[in-house]
Amino acid sequence: MIATFIGHRKIQNCEILTTRLKETIIRLIDDKQVDTFLFGSRSAFDDLCLETITEIQQIRPHIKRIYIRASYPYINSNYETYLLKFYDATYFPDKIEKAGKASYVERNEYMIDKADFCIFYYNENYQLPLKPATRKRIFSFQPKSGTKIAYDYAVQKKKTIINLFSEP
């Protein structure tokens, strides 16, 4: 079984979140036979999850940490060696290669498609700053966060979602 992590760049209540995350991961490993964990990058939540999985791997050595790259389809051996200090494997999905600016959205959708369990840190009230009007764009607009886009996609795909966000 496979689980993936997706969350906002900034996190709150780190001690409580760390405890809930660790309990959730151990329960998935022991009760649901999850043995593979997919990671993206670019958020404090991803960093916390990697740190937690690495710690748990000391007592559950059969679990794997897989880094799914959203950029760099081809990497040299130095960069691969660097990544493998933190992860057990890394790869770049074919479907992302021509995604351009949407590569992180495509990567998250890929991870959700592969996962049996989606562990989120998603605050439904979070909004990115309003993008002001410019000469090229005559109206200001409210962009969606990547986490919201991923969360909505996981709901649409009827994935088992575990949301670890809680109000301070």
C-alpha atoms as a PDB file:
ATOM      1  CA  MET A   1       0.000   0.000   0.000  1.00  0.00           C
ATOM      2  CA  ILE A   2       1.083   3.546  -0.748  1.00  0.00           C
ATOM      3  CA  ALA A   3       0.571   6.870   1.032  1.00  0.00           C
ATOM      4  CA  THR A   4       1.468  10.370  -0.099  1.00  0.00           C
ATOM      5  CA  PHE A   5       1.899  13.701   1.662  1.00  0.00           C
ATOM      6  CA  ILE A   6       0.671  17.089   0.435  1.00  0.00           C
ATOM      7  CA  GLY A   7       0.373  20.268   2.460  1.00  0.00           C
ATOM      8  CA  HIS A   8       0.758  24.013   2.755  1.00  0.00           C
ATOM      9  CA  ARG A   9       4.212  25.548   2.723  1.00  0.00           C
ATOM     10  CA  LYS A  10       3.864  26.817   6.297  1.00  0.00           C
ATOM     11  CA  ILE A  11       2.615  24.758   9.236  1.00  0.00           C
ATOM     12  CA  GLN A  12       1.331  25.554  12.734  1.00  0.00           C
ATOM     13  CA  ASN A  13       1.148  23.624  16.010  1.00  0.00           C
ATOM     14  CA  CYS A  14       4.297  21.676  15.155  1.00  0.00           C
ATOM     15  CA  GLU A  15       4.389  19.598  18.350  1.00  0.00           C
ATOM     16  CA  ILE A  16       0.740  18.548  18.088  1.00  0.00           C
ATOM     17  CA  LEU A  17       1.043  18.027  14.338  1.00  0.00           C
ATOM     18  CA  THR A  18       4.206  15.920  14.744  1.00  0.00           C
ATOM     19  CA  THR A  19       2.494  13.676  17.299  1.00  0.00           C
ATOM     20  CA  ARG A  20      -0.625  13.242  15.139  1.00  0.00           C
ATOM     21  CA  LEU A  21       1.496  12.615  12.042  1.00  0.00           C
ATOM     22  CA  LYS A  22       3.626   9.963  13.750  1.00  0.00           C
ATOM     23  CA  GLU A  23       0.567   8.179  15.166  1.00  0.00           C
ATOM     24  CA  THR A  24      -1.141   8.264  11.768  1.00  0.00           C
ATOM     25  CA  ILE A  25       1.881   6.879   9.924  1.00  0.00           C
ATOM     26  CA  ILE A  26       2.467   4.050  12.407  1.00  0.00           C
ATOM     27  CA  ARG A  27      -1.238   3.133  12.263  1.00  0.00           C
ATOM     28  CA  LEU A  28      -1.110   3.034   8.443  1.00  0.00           C
ATOM     29  CA  ILE A  29       2.017   0.861   8.504  1.00  0.00           C
ATOM     30  CA  ASP A  30       0.761  -1.551  11.153  1.00  0.00           C
ATOM     31  CA  ASP A  31      -2.963  -1.705  10.358  1.00  0.00           C
ATOM     32  CA  LYS A  32      -3.128  -0.995   6.613  1.00  0.00           C
ATOM     33  CA  GLN A  33       0.239  -2.434   5.477  1.00  0.00           C
ATOM     34  CA  VAL A  34       1.428   0.851   3.980  1.00  0.00           C
ATOM     35  CA  ASP A  35       5.077   0.366   3.071  1.00  0.00           C
ATOM     36  CA  THR A  36       5.735   3.102   0.507  1.00  0.00           C
ATOM     37  CA  PHE A  37       5.536   6.845   1.068  1.00  0.00           C
ATOM     38  CA  LEU A  38       5.598   9.350  -1.807  1.00  0.00           C
ATOM     39  CA  PHE A  39       7.015  12.824  -1.299  1.00  0.00           C
ATOM     40  CA  GLY A  40       6.955  16.055  -3.218  1.00  0.00           C
ATOM     41  CA  SER A  41       8.774  19.137  -2.049  1.00  0.00           C
ATOM     42  CA  ARG A  42       8.487  22.834  -1.355  1.00  0.00           C
ATOM     43  CA  SER A  43       6.655  22.832   1.974  1.00  0.00           C
ATOM     44  CA  ALA A  44       7.367  22.698   5.666  1.00  0.00           C
ATOM     45  CA  PHE A  45       4.815  19.870   5.816  1.00  0.00           C
ATOM     46  CA  ASP A  46       6.855  17.798   3.345  1.00  0.00           C
ATOM     47  CA  ASP A  47       9.976  18.401   5.437  1.00  0.00           C
ATOM     48  CA  LEU A  48       8.194  17.350   8.631  1.00  0.00           C
ATOM     49  CA  CYS A  49       6.829  14.207   6.966  1.00  0.00           C
ATOM     50  CA  LEU A  50      10.250  13.210   5.641  1.00  0.00           C
ATOM     51  CA  GLU A  51      11.815  13.729   9.058  1.00  0.00           C
ATOM     52  CA  THR A  52       9.052  11.665  10.702  1.00  0.00           C
ATOM     53  CA  ILE A  53       9.215   8.813   8.179  1.00  0.00           C
ATOM     54  CA  THR A  54      13.005   8.712   8.469  1.00  0.00           C
ATOM     55  CA  GLU A  55      12.665   8.390  12.248  1.00  0.00           C
ATOM     56  CA  ILE A  56      10.011   5.667  11.952  1.00  0.00           C
ATOM     57  CA  GLN A  57      12.164   3.828   9.414  1.00  0.00           C
ATOM     58  CA  GLN A  58      14.568   3.072  12.281  1.00  0.00           C
ATOM     59  CA  ILE A  59      11.885   0.853  13.895  1.00  0.00           C
ATOM     60  CA  ARG A  60      10.071  -0.155  10.679  1.00  0.00           C
ATOM     61  CA  PRO A  61      13.015  -0.629   8.264  1.00  0.00           C
ATOM     62  CA  HIS A  62      10.879  -2.140   5.488  1.00  0.00           C
ATOM     63  CA  ILE A  63       9.186   1.176   4.621  1.00  0.00           C
ATOM     64  CA  LYS A  64      10.385   3.201   1.624  1.00  0.00           C
ATOM     65  CA  ARG A  65      10.683   6.948   1.026  1.00  0.00           C
ATOM     66  CA  ILE A  66      10.226   7.885  -2.641  1.00  0.00           C
ATOM     67  CA  TYR A  67      10.827  11.419  -3.931  1.00  0.00           C
ATOM     68  CA  ILE A  68       8.735  12.307  -6.982  1.00  0.00           C
ATOM     69  CA  ARG A  69      10.475  15.120  -8.846  1.00  0.00           C
ATOM     70  CA  ALA A  70       8.429  17.896 -10.459  1.00  0.00           C
ATOM     71  CA  SER A  71      11.467  19.262 -12.269  1.00  0.00           C
ATOM     72  CA  TYR A  72      14.672  17.865 -13.709  1.00  0.00           C
ATOM     73  CA  PRO A  73      13.559  14.871 -15.761  1.00  0.00           C
ATOM     74  CA  TYR A  74      17.195  13.865 -16.137  1.00  0.00           C
ATOM     75  CA  ILE A  75      19.601  14.266 -13.244  1.00  0.00           C
ATOM     76  CA  ASN A  76      23.305  13.659 -12.987  1.00  0.00           C
ATOM     77  CA  SER A  77      24.775  11.139 -10.581  1.00  0.00           C
ATOM     78  CA  ASN A  78      25.868  13.836  -8.109  1.00  0.00           C
ATOM     79  CA  TYR A  79      22.331  15.142  -7.687  1.00  0.00           C
ATOM     80  CA  GLU A  80      20.922  11.620  -7.508  1.00  0.00           C
ATOM     81  CA  THR A  81      23.473  10.713  -4.816  1.00  0.00           C
ATOM     82  CA  TYR A  82      22.452  13.830  -2.908  1.00  0.00           C
ATOM     83  CA  LEU A  83      18.735  12.950  -3.094  1.00  0.00           C
ATOM     84  CA  LEU A  84      19.391   9.358  -2.051  1.00  0.00           C
ATOM     85  CA  LYS A  85      20.862  10.607   1.218  1.00  0.00           C
ATOM     86  CA  PHE A  86      17.270  11.464   2.181  1.00  0.00           C
ATOM     87  CA  TYR A  87      15.122   9.135   0.069  1.00  0.00           C
ATOM     88  CA  ASP A  88      15.301   5.487  -0.920  1.00  0.00           C
ATOM     89  CA  ALA A  89      14.498   6.281  -4.558  1.00  0.00           C
ATOM     90  CA  THR A  90      13.605   9.178  -6.843  1.00  0.00           C
ATOM     91  CA  TYR A  91      12.038   9.479 -10.250  1.00  0.00           C
ATOM     92  CA  PHE A  92      10.368  11.870 -12.643  1.00  0.00           C
ATOM     93  CA  PRO A  93       6.987  10.734 -14.061  1.00  0.00           C
ATOM     94  CA  ASP A  94       6.704  10.914 -17.848  1.00  0.00           C
ATOM     95  CA  LYS A  95       3.384  12.781 -17.737  1.00  0.00           C
ATOM     96  CA  ILE A  96       5.050  15.799 -16.108  1.00  0.00           C
ATOM     97  CA  GLU A  97       7.689  16.402 -18.766  1.00  0.00           C
ATOM     98  CA  LYS A  98       5.599  18.793 -20.858  1.00  0.00           C
ATOM     99  CA  ALA A  99       3.571  20.303 -17.988  1.00  0.00           C
ATOM    100  CA  GLY A 100       5.521  23.560 -17.785  1.00  0.00           C
ATOM    101  CA  LYS A 101       4.272  25.832 -14.987  1.00  0.00           C
ATOM    102  CA  ALA A 102       1.743  23.171 -14.010  1.00  0.00           C
ATOM    103  CA  SER A 103       4.452  20.602 -13.207  1.00  0.00           C
ATOM    104  CA  TYR A 104       3.785  20.734  -9.453  1.00  0.00           C
ATOM    105  CA  VAL A 105       0.044  20.297  -9.982  1.00  0.00           C
ATOM    106  CA  GLU A 106       0.695  17.378 -12.352  1.00  0.00           C
ATOM    107  CA  ARG A 107       3.187  15.850  -9.900  1.00  0.00           C
ATOM    108  CA  ASN A 108       0.674  16.081  -7.048  1.00  0.00           C
ATOM    109  CA  GLU A 109      -2.027  14.495  -9.206  1.00  0.00           C
ATOM    110  CA  TYR A 110       0.380  11.702 -10.125  1.00  0.00           C
ATOM    111  CA  MET A 111       1.138  11.042  -6.433  1.00  0.00           C
ATOM    112  CA  ILE A 112      -2.575  11.060  -5.579  1.00  0.00           C
ATOM    113  CA  ASP A 113      -3.329   8.632  -8.430  1.00  0.00           C
ATOM    114  CA  LYS A 114      -0.657   6.223  -7.141  1.00  0.00           C
ATOM    115  CA  ALA A 115      -1.622   6.484  -3.460  1.00  0.00           C
ATOM    116  CA  ASP A 116      -4.091   4.471  -1.436  1.00  0.00           C
ATOM    117  CA  PHE A 117      -3.980   7.097   1.330  1.00  0.00           C
ATOM    118  CA  CYS A 118      -3.499  10.857   0.963  1.00  0.00           C
ATOM    119  CA  ILE A 119      -2.194  12.582   4.069  1.00  0.00           C
ATOM    120  CA  PHE A 120      -2.874  16.305   3.844  1.00  0.00           C
ATOM    121  CA  TYR A 121      -2.161  19.391   5.844  1.00  0.00           C
ATOM    122  CA  TYR A 122      -4.984  21.441   4.320  1.00  0.00           C
ATOM    123  CA  ASN A 123      -6.675  24.512   5.792  1.00  0.00           C
ATOM    124  CA  GLU A 124      -9.845  25.168   3.816  1.00  0.00           C
ATOM    125  CA  ASN A 125      -9.794  28.821   4.927  1.00  0.00           C
ATOM    126  CA  TYR A 126      -6.272  29.489   3.658  1.00  0.00           C
ATOM    127  CA  GLN A 127      -5.991  31.844   0.702  1.00  0.00           C
ATOM    128  CA  LEU A 128      -2.991  33.008  -1.243  1.00  0.00           C
ATOM    129  CA  PRO A 129      -2.531  36.771  -1.490  1.00  0.00           C
ATOM    130  CA  LEU A 130      -4.712  38.502  -4.080  1.00  0.00           C
ATOM    131  CA  LYS A 131      -2.913  38.964  -7.401  1.00  0.00           C
ATOM    132  CA  PRO A 132      -3.262  42.626  -8.421  1.00  0.00           C
ATOM    133  CA  ALA A 133      -4.240  43.820 -11.857  1.00  0.00           C
ATOM    134  CA  THR A 134      -1.389  44.552 -14.235  1.00  0.00           C
ATOM    135  CA  ARG A 135      -1.065  46.028 -17.705  1.00  0.00           C
ATOM    136  CA  LYS A 136      -1.390  42.528 -19.165  1.00  0.00           C
ATOM    137  CA  ARG A 137      -4.110  41.416 -16.750  1.00  0.00           C
ATOM    138  CA  ILE A 138      -6.804  44.062 -16.258  1.00  0.00           C
ATOM    139  CA  PHE A 139      -8.448  42.390 -13.247  1.00  0.00           C
ATOM    140  CA  SER A 140      -7.056  41.262  -9.930  1.00  0.00           C
ATOM    141  CA  PHE A 141      -7.765  37.636  -9.065  1.00  0.00           C
ATOM    142  CA  GLN A 142      -7.638  35.169  -6.191  1.00  0.00           C
ATOM    143  CA  PRO A 143      -5.321  32.238  -7.057  1.00  0.00           C
ATOM    144  CA  LYS A 144      -5.972  28.765  -5.618  1.00  0.00           C
ATOM    145  CA  SER A 145      -3.307  27.173  -3.496  1.00  0.00           C
ATOM    146  CA  GLY A 146      -1.621  24.057  -4.858  1.00  0.00           C
ATOM    147  CA  THR A 147      -2.756  22.200  -1.746  1.00  0.00           C
ATOM    148  CA  LYS A 148      -6.397  23.096  -2.437  1.00  0.00           C
ATOM    149  CA  ILE A 149      -6.073  21.962  -6.048  1.00  0.00           C
ATOM    150  CA  ALA A 150      -4.562  18.655  -4.867  1.00  0.00           C
ATOM    151  CA  TYR A 151      -7.163  18.213  -2.111  1.00  0.00           C
ATOM    152  CA  ASP A 152     -10.037  18.789  -4.555  1.00  0.00           C
ATOM    153  CA  TYR A 153      -8.444  16.299  -6.963  1.00  0.00           C
ATOM    154  CA  ALA A 154      -8.131  13.651  -4.210  1.00  0.00           C
ATOM    155  CA  VAL A 155     -11.802  14.171  -3.307  1.00  0.00           C
ATOM    156  CA  GLN A 156     -12.789  13.849  -6.973  1.00  0.00           C
ATOM    157  CA  LYS A 157     -10.774  10.606  -7.236  1.00  0.00           C
ATOM    158  CA  LYS A 158     -12.479   9.295  -4.064  1.00  0.00           C
ATOM    159  CA  LYS A 159      -9.164   8.723  -2.301  1.00  0.00           C
ATOM    160  CA  THR A 160      -8.920   8.020   1.406  1.00  0.00           C
ATOM    161  CA  ILE A 161      -7.944  11.423   2.797  1.00  0.00           C
ATOM    162  CA  ILE A 162      -6.442  12.063   6.202  1.00  0.00           C
ATOM    163  CA  ASN A 163      -6.289  15.805   6.906  1.00  0.00           C
ATOM    164  CA  LEU A 164      -3.987  16.624   9.827  1.00  0.00           C
ATOM    165  CA  PHE A 165      -4.716  20.348   9.866  1.00  0.00           C
ATOM    166  CA  SER A 166      -6.239  21.702  13.063  1.00  0.00           C
ATOM    167  CA  GLU A 167      -6.921  25.285  14.118  1.00  0.00           C
ATOM    168  CA  PRO A 168      -4.460  26.811  16.619  1.00  0.00           C
END
